[in-house]
């Protein structure tokens, strides 16, 4: 811990950036599975998202922190047979999680099987259609791995509720309850199978911790991944219930496993691991997925960086402020810009549809490092050209910087 139990806002930012695995310089050696595993263990999980306008979100956190890596690496870690080191479950939304943590989520699976902690319509479906759900589980046991569309009686989709068929609803309930898991994906479609046929045997056979023990373990992971965090930050990382998190945090504080810390400008008390160290600098340079764990809790992002970040994917085009699929640009210890990016795969081009500098940042200072990072991203995605549209106050300087490095 630092000498004082009070952190300045700059210190808190440096702590948070380091805790999230951002190096001051990326490794020069090729990224290997061991680098990815080490990072994913530090983060605890990465959020999965289906939007593919640039690249699916879960592939970006490794690139942001480690640089370009071989395209199939993450898929092998997640879906590479019984030696896989990641599994899919509801961590922070749908997530890829180190497989050793699977026992820590069994309490959530048990609650889901009872109809607790899952979406209301799904809980009602499970209560009303249990014989059908049991028949789906039996079919997975006999024929898996299966996509929901491959069930012999998939059923029709409903008008609302994402257009899910009855088969998809049954599969998702079984997934929540831990009775099936993701064996692989076909495109982006989940293929479901029994956990005992997917998970490493040592993980499947591991004992199930009691709820309080598992929740404390998840909060330790969240505290390590945050560096310094409020109660809300800690519970949001794995979407714990407020009541559960409050009790478990108090227990961890009493045991000396979390230490109360005050952060300059924060109205809520914060907590840090006992071995907290404050880096002397943060020299990160990275484009962040909109679902990156550094920025996914919007209130925390405002407290740390003074940046009000909102997803604008579902905002009507004429009301968007920064664009459709907007990536914050982390430079040193601040969010310096936001860029709306799109992969035009047919044309082999990375399109910068808008570029905005933050109010504290000078476009001429931000443009060169951002241009270098965009070139690195385009190369990783196999896109040969970079095109900047005219939208945003940063766009002219960015176009000039890219022209210089062309």
Protein backbone atom coordinates (compact mmCIF):
# COMPACT_ATOMS: atom_id res chain seq x y z
CA UNK A 1 0.00 0.00 0.00
CA UNK A 2 1.11 3.61 -0.48
CA UNK A 3 2.23 5.52 2.60
CA UNK A 4 -1.16 7.21 2.86
CA UNK A 5 -4.63 5.67 2.61
CA UNK A 6 -5.54 8.52 0.26
CA UNK A 7 -4.86 8.50 -3.48
CA UNK A 8 -4.86 11.47 -5.82
CA UNK A 9 -6.99 11.09 -8.93
CA UNK A 10 -3.86 10.76 -11.06
CA UNK A 11 -2.56 8.00 -8.80
CA UNK A 12 -5.90 6.20 -9.01
CA UNK A 13 -5.79 6.38 -12.81
CA UNK A 14 -2.28 4.92 -12.92
CA UNK A 15 -3.28 2.17 -10.52
CA UNK A 16 -6.36 1.30 -12.60
CA UNK A 17 -4.49 1.24 -15.91
CA UNK A 18 -1.74 -0.98 -14.54
CA UNK A 19 -4.24 -3.31 -12.85
CA UNK A 20 -5.94 -3.79 -16.20
CA UNK A 21 -2.74 -5.09 -17.75
CA UNK A 22 -1.75 -2.13 -19.91
CA UNK A 23 2.03 -2.08 -20.24
CA UNK A 24 4.01 1.10 -20.78
CA UNK A 25 5.58 -0.65 -23.76
CA UNK A 26 4.17 -3.72 -25.51
CA UNK A 27 6.27 -6.89 -25.71
CA UNK A 28 8.44 -7.04 -28.81
CA UNK A 29 8.29 -10.84 -29.02
CA UNK A 30 5.38 -12.52 -30.84
CA UNK A 31 2.31 -12.95 -28.66
CA UNK A 32 2.00 -16.55 -27.50
CA UNK A 33 -0.69 -18.47 -25.63
CA UNK A 34 1.17 -18.00 -22.34
CA UNK A 35 1.04 -14.19 -22.73
CA UNK A 36 -2.69 -14.32 -23.41
CA UNK A 37 -3.37 -16.68 -20.50
CA UNK A 38 -1.40 -14.47 -18.12
CA UNK A 39 -3.35 -11.40 -19.21
CA UNK A 40 -6.73 -13.13 -19.06
CA UNK A 41 -5.99 -14.39 -15.56
CA UNK A 42 -5.21 -10.81 -14.54
CA UNK A 43 -8.42 -9.45 -16.08
CA UNK A 44 -10.56 -12.31 -14.80
CA UNK A 45 -12.85 -12.22 -17.85
CA UNK A 46 -13.53 -10.50 -21.16
CA UNK A 47 -17.01 -9.55 -22.31
CA UNK A 48 -18.38 -11.18 -25.47
CA UNK A 49 -20.35 -9.09 -27.93
CA UNK A 50 -21.80 -10.00 -31.31
CA UNK A 51 -21.37 -6.68 -33.15
CA UNK A 52 -18.88 -7.27 -35.96
CA UNK A 53 -18.69 -3.88 -37.65
CA UNK A 54 -14.98 -3.70 -36.77
CA UNK A 55 -14.12 -7.01 -35.08
CA UNK A 56 -16.03 -8.79 -32.35
CA UNK A 57 -15.35 -7.07 -29.06
CA UNK A 58 -13.77 -9.97 -27.16
CA UNK A 59 -10.83 -10.07 -29.58
CA UNK A 60 -9.87 -6.46 -28.86
CA UNK A 61 -8.69 -6.50 -25.20
CA UNK A 62 -5.71 -8.74 -26.04
CA UNK A 63 -4.78 -6.52 -28.99
CA UNK A 64 -5.13 -3.37 -26.88
CA UNK A 65 -2.69 -4.68 -24.27
CA UNK A 66 -0.37 -7.06 -26.13
CA UNK A 67 -0.50 -5.82 -29.72
CA UNK A 68 -1.16 -7.92 -32.85
CA UNK A 69 -1.63 -11.62 -32.22
CA UNK A 70 -2.43 -14.64 -34.35
CA UNK A 71 -6.10 -14.67 -35.29
CA UNK A 72 -7.08 -18.10 -33.94
CA UNK A 73 -5.33 -17.82 -30.58
CA UNK A 74 -8.32 -16.72 -28.50
CA UNK A 75 -10.62 -19.26 -30.17
CA UNK A 76 -8.20 -22.08 -29.32
CA UNK A 77 -8.06 -20.97 -25.70
CA UNK A 78 -11.87 -20.85 -25.53
CA UNK A 79 -12.89 -23.80 -27.69
CA UNK A 80 -9.82 -26.00 -28.05
CA UNK A 81 -11.24 -29.23 -26.72
CA UNK A 82 -10.75 -30.53 -23.18
CA UNK A 83 -7.48 -28.58 -22.89
CA UNK A 84 -9.28 -25.25 -23.23
CA UNK A 85 -8.32 -22.60 -20.70
CA UNK A 86 -11.45 -20.42 -21.02
CA UNK A 87 -15.16 -21.13 -20.79
CA UNK A 88 -18.28 -19.11 -21.54
CA UNK A 89 -20.69 -17.99 -18.86
CA UNK A 90 -22.51 -14.97 -17.46
CA UNK A 91 -19.71 -13.10 -15.70
CA UNK A 92 -19.99 -9.47 -16.72
CA UNK A 93 -22.75 -10.15 -19.22
CA UNK A 94 -21.76 -13.03 -21.53
CA UNK A 95 -18.04 -13.52 -20.93
CA UNK A 96 -14.99 -15.64 -21.58
CA UNK A 97 -13.61 -16.63 -18.18
CA UNK A 98 -10.54 -18.65 -17.10
CA UNK A 99 -11.81 -22.20 -16.76
CA UNK A 100 -10.42 -22.62 -13.24
CA UNK A 101 -13.05 -20.13 -12.08
CA UNK A 102 -15.99 -22.30 -13.18
CA UNK A 103 -16.67 -23.57 -9.63
CA UNK A 104 -16.96 -19.95 -8.46
CA UNK A 105 -20.09 -19.52 -10.60
CA UNK A 106 -21.92 -22.67 -9.55
CA UNK A 107 -23.92 -20.74 -6.95
CA UNK A 108 -25.21 -18.54 -9.79
CA UNK A 109 -26.03 -21.63 -11.83
CA UNK A 110 -27.92 -23.13 -8.89
CA UNK A 111 -29.91 -19.92 -8.43
CA UNK A 112 -30.74 -19.89 -12.14
CA UNK A 113 -31.97 -23.47 -12.01
CA UNK A 114 -34.35 -22.35 -9.25
CA UNK A 115 -35.50 -19.46 -11.45
CA UNK A 116 -33.58 -16.76 -9.54
CA UNK A 117 -31.25 -14.21 -11.07
CA UNK A 118 -32.32 -14.71 -14.69
CA UNK A 119 -34.45 -12.58 -16.98
CA UNK A 120 -38.11 -12.62 -15.96
CA UNK A 121 -39.44 -14.01 -19.24
CA UNK A 122 -36.83 -16.76 -19.25
CA UNK A 123 -37.70 -17.67 -15.64
CA UNK A 124 -41.39 -17.86 -16.56
CA UNK A 125 -40.62 -20.00 -19.60
CA UNK A 126 -38.56 -22.38 -17.44
CA UNK A 127 -41.34 -22.69 -14.87
CA UNK A 128 -44.03 -23.33 -17.51
CA UNK A 129 -42.11 -25.56 -19.92
CA UNK A 130 -39.93 -27.76 -17.72
CA UNK A 131 -40.84 -31.06 -19.48
CA UNK A 132 -39.79 -29.51 -22.80
CA UNK A 133 -36.54 -28.19 -21.27
CA UNK A 134 -35.82 -31.66 -19.90
CA UNK A 135 -36.35 -33.13 -23.37
CA UNK A 136 -33.90 -30.58 -24.84
CA UNK A 137 -31.29 -31.54 -22.24
CA UNK A 138 -31.80 -35.22 -23.08
CA UNK A 139 -31.32 -34.46 -26.77
CA UNK A 140 -28.09 -32.57 -26.08
CA UNK A 141 -26.89 -35.54 -24.04
CA UNK A 142 -27.69 -37.88 -26.93
CA UNK A 143 -26.57 -35.76 -29.88
CA UNK A 144 -24.43 -32.86 -28.63
CA UNK A 145 -22.79 -30.56 -29.34
CA UNK A 146 -25.82 -28.90 -30.89
CA UNK A 147 -26.93 -25.48 -31.98
CA UNK A 148 -30.43 -24.47 -30.91
CA UNK A 149 -31.47 -24.55 -34.59
CA UNK A 150 -30.53 -28.25 -34.80
CA UNK A 151 -32.99 -29.45 -32.17
CA UNK A 152 -35.59 -31.89 -33.46
CA UNK A 153 -38.32 -29.67 -31.99
CA UNK A 154 -36.82 -26.19 -32.03
CA UNK A 155 -40.21 -24.49 -31.93
CA UNK A 156 -41.18 -21.16 -33.39
CA UNK A 157 -39.70 -17.83 -32.49
CA UNK A 158 -41.81 -15.30 -30.64
CA UNK A 159 -42.42 -11.80 -31.89
CA UNK A 160 -40.38 -10.09 -29.19
CA UNK A 161 -37.68 -11.33 -26.85
CA UNK A 162 -34.92 -11.21 -29.49
CA UNK A 163 -36.97 -13.51 -31.77
CA UNK A 164 -35.75 -16.56 -29.85
CA UNK A 165 -37.31 -19.93 -30.65
CA UNK A 166 -38.49 -22.16 -27.83
CA UNK A 167 -35.40 -24.30 -28.44
CA UNK A 168 -33.11 -21.30 -28.01
CA UNK A 169 -34.95 -20.31 -24.82
CA UNK A 170 -34.55 -23.82 -23.45
CA UNK A 171 -30.85 -23.89 -24.33
CA UNK A 172 -30.25 -20.51 -22.73
CA UNK A 173 -32.01 -21.55 -19.54
CA UNK A 174 -29.87 -24.70 -19.42
CA UNK A 175 -26.79 -22.55 -20.07
CA UNK A 176 -27.67 -20.18 -17.21
CA UNK A 177 -28.23 -23.20 -14.96
CA UNK A 178 -24.88 -24.72 -15.88
CA UNK A 179 -26.52 -27.88 -17.23
CA UNK A 180 -25.03 -27.21 -20.66
CA UNK A 181 -22.07 -25.09 -21.69
CA UNK A 182 -20.56 -23.78 -24.92
CA UNK A 183 -18.55 -26.46 -26.69
CA UNK A 184 -17.73 -24.20 -29.63
CA UNK A 185 -19.25 -21.79 -32.08
CA UNK A 186 -20.39 -22.03 -35.67
CA UNK A 187 -19.90 -18.50 -36.90
CA UNK A 188 -21.31 -16.79 -33.84
CA UNK A 189 -23.91 -19.46 -33.03
CA UNK A 190 -23.32 -21.27 -29.76
CA UNK A 191 -22.95 -25.05 -29.89
CA UNK A 192 -24.13 -26.50 -26.59
CA UNK A 193 -22.97 -29.68 -24.88
CA UNK A 194 -22.83 -31.24 -21.43
CA UNK A 195 -20.21 -29.68 -19.12
CA UNK A 196 -18.64 -33.07 -18.38
CA UNK A 197 -17.83 -33.44 -22.08
CA UNK A 198 -16.45 -29.91 -22.45
CA UNK A 199 -14.67 -28.82 -19.29
CA UNK A 200 -11.29 -30.22 -18.24
CA UNK A 201 -11.88 -33.15 -15.91
CA UNK A 202 -10.04 -31.50 -13.01
CA UNK A 203 -12.35 -28.47 -13.25
CA UNK A 204 -15.54 -30.50 -13.58
CA UNK A 205 -14.59 -32.63 -10.57
CA UNK A 206 -13.47 -29.68 -8.43
CA UNK A 207 -15.50 -29.16 -5.23
CA UNK A 208 -18.21 -26.50 -5.23
CA UNK A 209 -17.50 -23.67 -2.77
CA UNK A 210 -20.25 -22.25 -0.62
CA UNK A 211 -21.91 -19.07 -1.93
CA UNK A 212 -20.14 -16.64 0.44
CA UNK A 213 -16.74 -18.20 -0.28
CA UNK A 214 -17.28 -18.05 -4.05
CA UNK A 215 -18.51 -14.46 -3.93
CA UNK A 216 -15.51 -13.39 -1.85
CA UNK A 217 -13.23 -15.04 -4.43
CA UNK A 218 -14.94 -13.15 -7.27
CA UNK A 219 -14.57 -9.88 -5.38
CA UNK A 220 -10.86 -10.57 -4.86
CA UNK A 221 -10.53 -11.04 -8.62
CA UNK A 222 -12.45 -7.80 -9.23
CA UNK A 223 -10.30 -5.91 -6.72
CA UNK A 224 -7.10 -7.11 -8.37
CA UNK A 225 -8.43 -6.18 -11.83
CA UNK A 226 -9.50 -2.71 -10.66
CA UNK A 227 -6.56 -1.79 -8.43
CA UNK A 228 -8.79 0.67 -6.61
CA UNK A 229 -12.59 0.57 -6.73
CA UNK A 230 -15.83 1.53 -5.02
CA UNK A 231 -18.35 -1.04 -3.84
CA UNK A 232 -20.37 -0.48 -7.02
CA UNK A 233 -17.29 -1.02 -9.20
CA UNK A 234 -16.43 -4.26 -7.43
CA UNK A 235 -19.88 -5.80 -7.63
CA UNK A 236 -20.43 -4.70 -11.23
CA UNK A 237 -17.36 -6.60 -12.44
CA UNK A 238 -19.18 -9.94 -12.05
CA UNK A 239 -22.67 -8.44 -11.75
CA UNK A 240 -23.13 -9.47 -8.11
CA UNK A 241 -26.29 -8.49 -6.26
CA UNK A 242 -25.82 -5.38 -4.14
CA UNK A 243 -26.79 -7.13 -0.91
CA UNK A 244 -24.42 -10.05 -1.48
CA UNK A 245 -21.55 -7.75 -2.45
CA UNK A 246 -22.01 -5.47 0.55
CA UNK A 247 -21.78 -8.39 2.98
CA UNK A 248 -18.80 -9.99 1.25
CA UNK A 249 -16.87 -6.71 1.00
CA UNK A 250 -17.36 -6.11 4.72
CA UNK A 251 -16.02 -9.60 5.39
CA UNK A 252 -12.97 -9.03 3.20
CA UNK A 253 -12.27 -5.70 4.92
CA UNK A 254 -12.56 -7.33 8.34
CA UNK A 255 -10.12 -10.06 7.22
CA UNK A 256 -7.64 -7.47 5.95
CA UNK A 257 -8.02 -8.67 2.34
CA UNK A 258 -9.45 -5.32 1.21
CA UNK A 259 -8.29 -1.99 2.59
CA UNK A 260 -10.44 1.17 2.59
CA UNK A 261 -8.93 3.97 0.50
CA UNK A 262 -10.09 7.52 -0.19
CA UNK A 263 -9.66 8.82 -3.75
CA UNK A 264 -9.52 12.53 -4.54
CA UNK A 265 -12.88 13.70 -5.90
CA UNK A 266 -14.73 10.44 -5.26
CA UNK A 267 -17.79 10.77 -3.05
CA UNK A 268 -17.92 7.06 -2.26
CA UNK A 269 -15.31 5.14 -0.25
CA UNK A 270 -12.99 2.93 -2.24
CA UNK A 271 -11.15 -0.32 -1.59
CA UNK A 272 -7.81 -1.73 -2.68
CA UNK A 273 -5.88 -4.98 -2.27
CA UNK A 274 -3.34 -4.90 0.59
CA UNK A 275 -0.40 -5.15 -1.84
CA UNK A 276 -1.43 -2.07 -3.85
CA UNK A 277 1.45 -0.22 -5.49
CA UNK A 278 1.15 3.11 -7.29
CA UNK A 279 3.07 3.15 -10.60
CA UNK A 280 5.26 6.19 -11.21
CA UNK A 281 3.79 6.66 -14.67
CA UNK A 282 1.30 5.27 -17.16
CA UNK A 283 2.44 5.46 -20.75
CA UNK A 284 -0.22 3.24 -22.33
CA UNK A 285 -1.24 3.80 -25.94
CA UNK A 286 -4.27 1.75 -26.90
CA UNK A 287 -7.60 1.68 -28.69
CA UNK A 288 -10.26 0.26 -26.37
CA UNK A 289 -13.28 -1.82 -27.23
CA UNK A 290 -16.52 -0.10 -26.13
CA UNK A 291 -16.90 -3.19 -23.89
CA UNK A 292 -13.35 -3.12 -22.48
CA UNK A 293 -13.24 -3.78 -18.75
CA UNK A 294 -11.30 -0.54 -18.19
CA UNK A 295 -14.31 1.51 -19.31
CA UNK A 296 -17.40 -0.71 -19.22
CA UNK A 297 -18.70 0.75 -15.93
CA UNK A 298 -19.66 4.20 -17.16
CA UNK A 299 -19.78 5.97 -13.79
CA UNK A 300 -16.31 4.68 -12.93
CA UNK A 301 -15.00 5.89 -16.30
CA UNK A 302 -16.32 9.37 -15.57
CA UNK A 303 -14.77 9.36 -12.09
CA UNK A 304 -11.39 8.13 -13.33
CA UNK A 305 -11.02 9.87 -16.67
CA UNK A 306 -13.61 12.63 -16.77
CA UNK A 307 -14.99 11.06 -19.96
CA UNK A 308 -18.72 10.45 -20.38
CA UNK A 309 -18.80 7.37 -22.58
CA UNK A 310 -22.08 5.97 -23.83
CA UNK A 311 -22.85 3.22 -26.33
CA UNK A 312 -24.46 4.84 -29.35
CA UNK A 313 -25.09 1.66 -31.34
CA UNK A 314 -28.80 1.77 -30.48
CA UNK A 315 -29.07 5.56 -30.77
CA UNK A 316 -30.74 6.92 -33.94
CA UNK A 317 -28.05 8.12 -36.35
CA UNK A 318 -29.09 11.78 -36.20
CA UNK A 319 -28.73 11.77 -32.39
CA UNK A 320 -25.26 10.21 -32.20
CA UNK A 321 -22.53 12.41 -30.82
CA UNK A 322 -19.40 10.43 -31.69
CA UNK A 323 -20.58 7.72 -34.11
CA UNK A 324 -21.80 4.13 -34.28
CA UNK A 325 -18.98 1.85 -33.07
CA UNK A 326 -16.76 4.18 -31.10
CA UNK A 327 -13.44 3.18 -29.56
CA UNK A 328 -11.88 5.39 -26.86
CA UNK A 329 -8.17 6.05 -27.36
CA UNK A 330 -6.10 5.72 -24.19
CA UNK A 331 -2.94 7.83 -24.34
CA UNK A 332 -0.60 7.94 -21.35
CA UNK A 333 -3.04 8.07 -18.44
CA UNK A 334 -5.99 9.83 -20.09
CA UNK A 335 -8.65 9.06 -22.65
CA UNK A 336 -7.54 11.46 -25.35
CA UNK A 337 -9.88 10.75 -28.26
CA UNK A 338 -12.72 8.65 -29.66
CA UNK A 339 -12.83 7.14 -33.13
CA UNK A 340 -15.77 5.60 -34.95
CA UNK A 341 -14.31 2.63 -36.84
CA UNK A 342 -15.55 0.18 -39.44
CA UNK A 343 -13.88 -2.69 -41.29
CA UNK A 344 -14.72 -2.57 -45.00
CA UNK A 345 -13.56 -6.10 -45.66
CA UNK A 346 -14.49 -6.16 -49.35
CA UNK A 347 -12.45 -3.03 -50.02
CA UNK A 348 -9.66 -4.06 -47.63
CA UNK A 349 -9.97 -0.78 -45.75
CA UNK A 350 -10.24 0.41 -42.18
CA UNK A 351 -12.65 3.34 -42.20
CA UNK A 352 -12.32 6.10 -39.63
CA UNK A 353 -15.83 7.48 -39.93
CA UNK A 354 -15.32 10.12 -37.24
CA UNK A 355 -12.53 11.22 -34.92
CA UNK A 356 -13.03 13.46 -31.90
CA UNK A 357 -10.43 14.75 -29.45
CA UNK A 358 -11.33 15.08 -25.79
CA UNK A 359 -11.59 18.64 -24.49
CA UNK A 360 -8.25 18.42 -22.63
CA UNK A 361 -6.35 17.03 -25.63
CA UNK A 362 -4.72 18.92 -28.50
CA UNK A 363 -5.48 17.28 -31.88
CA UNK A 364 -1.92 17.83 -33.14
CA UNK A 365 -0.55 15.94 -30.11
CA UNK A 366 -3.05 13.09 -30.28
CA UNK A 367 -3.01 12.49 -34.04
CA UNK A 368 0.48 10.92 -34.50
CA UNK A 369 0.22 8.21 -31.81
CA UNK A 370 -3.38 7.52 -32.79
CA UNK A 371 -2.36 7.18 -36.44
CA UNK A 372 0.33 4.68 -35.47
CA UNK A 373 -2.18 2.66 -33.44
CA UNK A 374 -4.71 2.68 -36.28
CA UNK A 375 -2.08 1.39 -38.68
CA UNK A 376 -1.24 -1.38 -36.23
CA UNK A 377 -4.95 -2.25 -35.95
CA UNK A 378 -5.45 -2.28 -39.71
CA UNK A 379 -2.46 -4.57 -40.16
CA UNK A 380 -3.74 -6.97 -37.51
CA UNK A 381 -7.15 -7.08 -39.21
CA UNK A 382 -5.55 -7.67 -42.62
CA UNK A 383 -6.79 -4.36 -44.04
CA UNK A 384 -4.43 -2.66 -46.45
CA UNK A 385 -5.86 0.87 -46.50
CA UNK A 386 -6.90 3.48 -43.97
CA UNK A 387 -9.49 6.09 -44.86
CA UNK A 388 -10.46 9.07 -42.69
CA UNK A 389 -13.80 10.79 -43.18
CA UNK A 390 -14.20 14.46 -42.38
CA UNK A 391 -16.35 14.11 -39.26
CA UNK A 392 -14.97 15.32 -35.93
CA UNK A 393 -12.49 17.94 -34.81
CA UNK A 394 -9.61 15.43 -34.81
CA UNK A 395 -10.19 14.16 -38.35
CA UNK A 396 -8.04 16.75 -40.25
CA UNK A 397 -4.98 16.30 -38.01
CA UNK A 398 -5.41 12.51 -38.09
CA UNK A 399 -5.63 12.47 -41.89
CA UNK A 400 -2.42 14.55 -42.03
CA UNK A 401 -0.64 12.21 -39.61
CA UNK A 402 -1.64 9.18 -41.64
CA UNK A 403 -0.46 10.84 -44.84
CA UNK A 404 2.97 11.43 -43.27
CA UNK A 405 3.31 7.78 -42.22
CA UNK A 406 1.90 6.32 -45.45
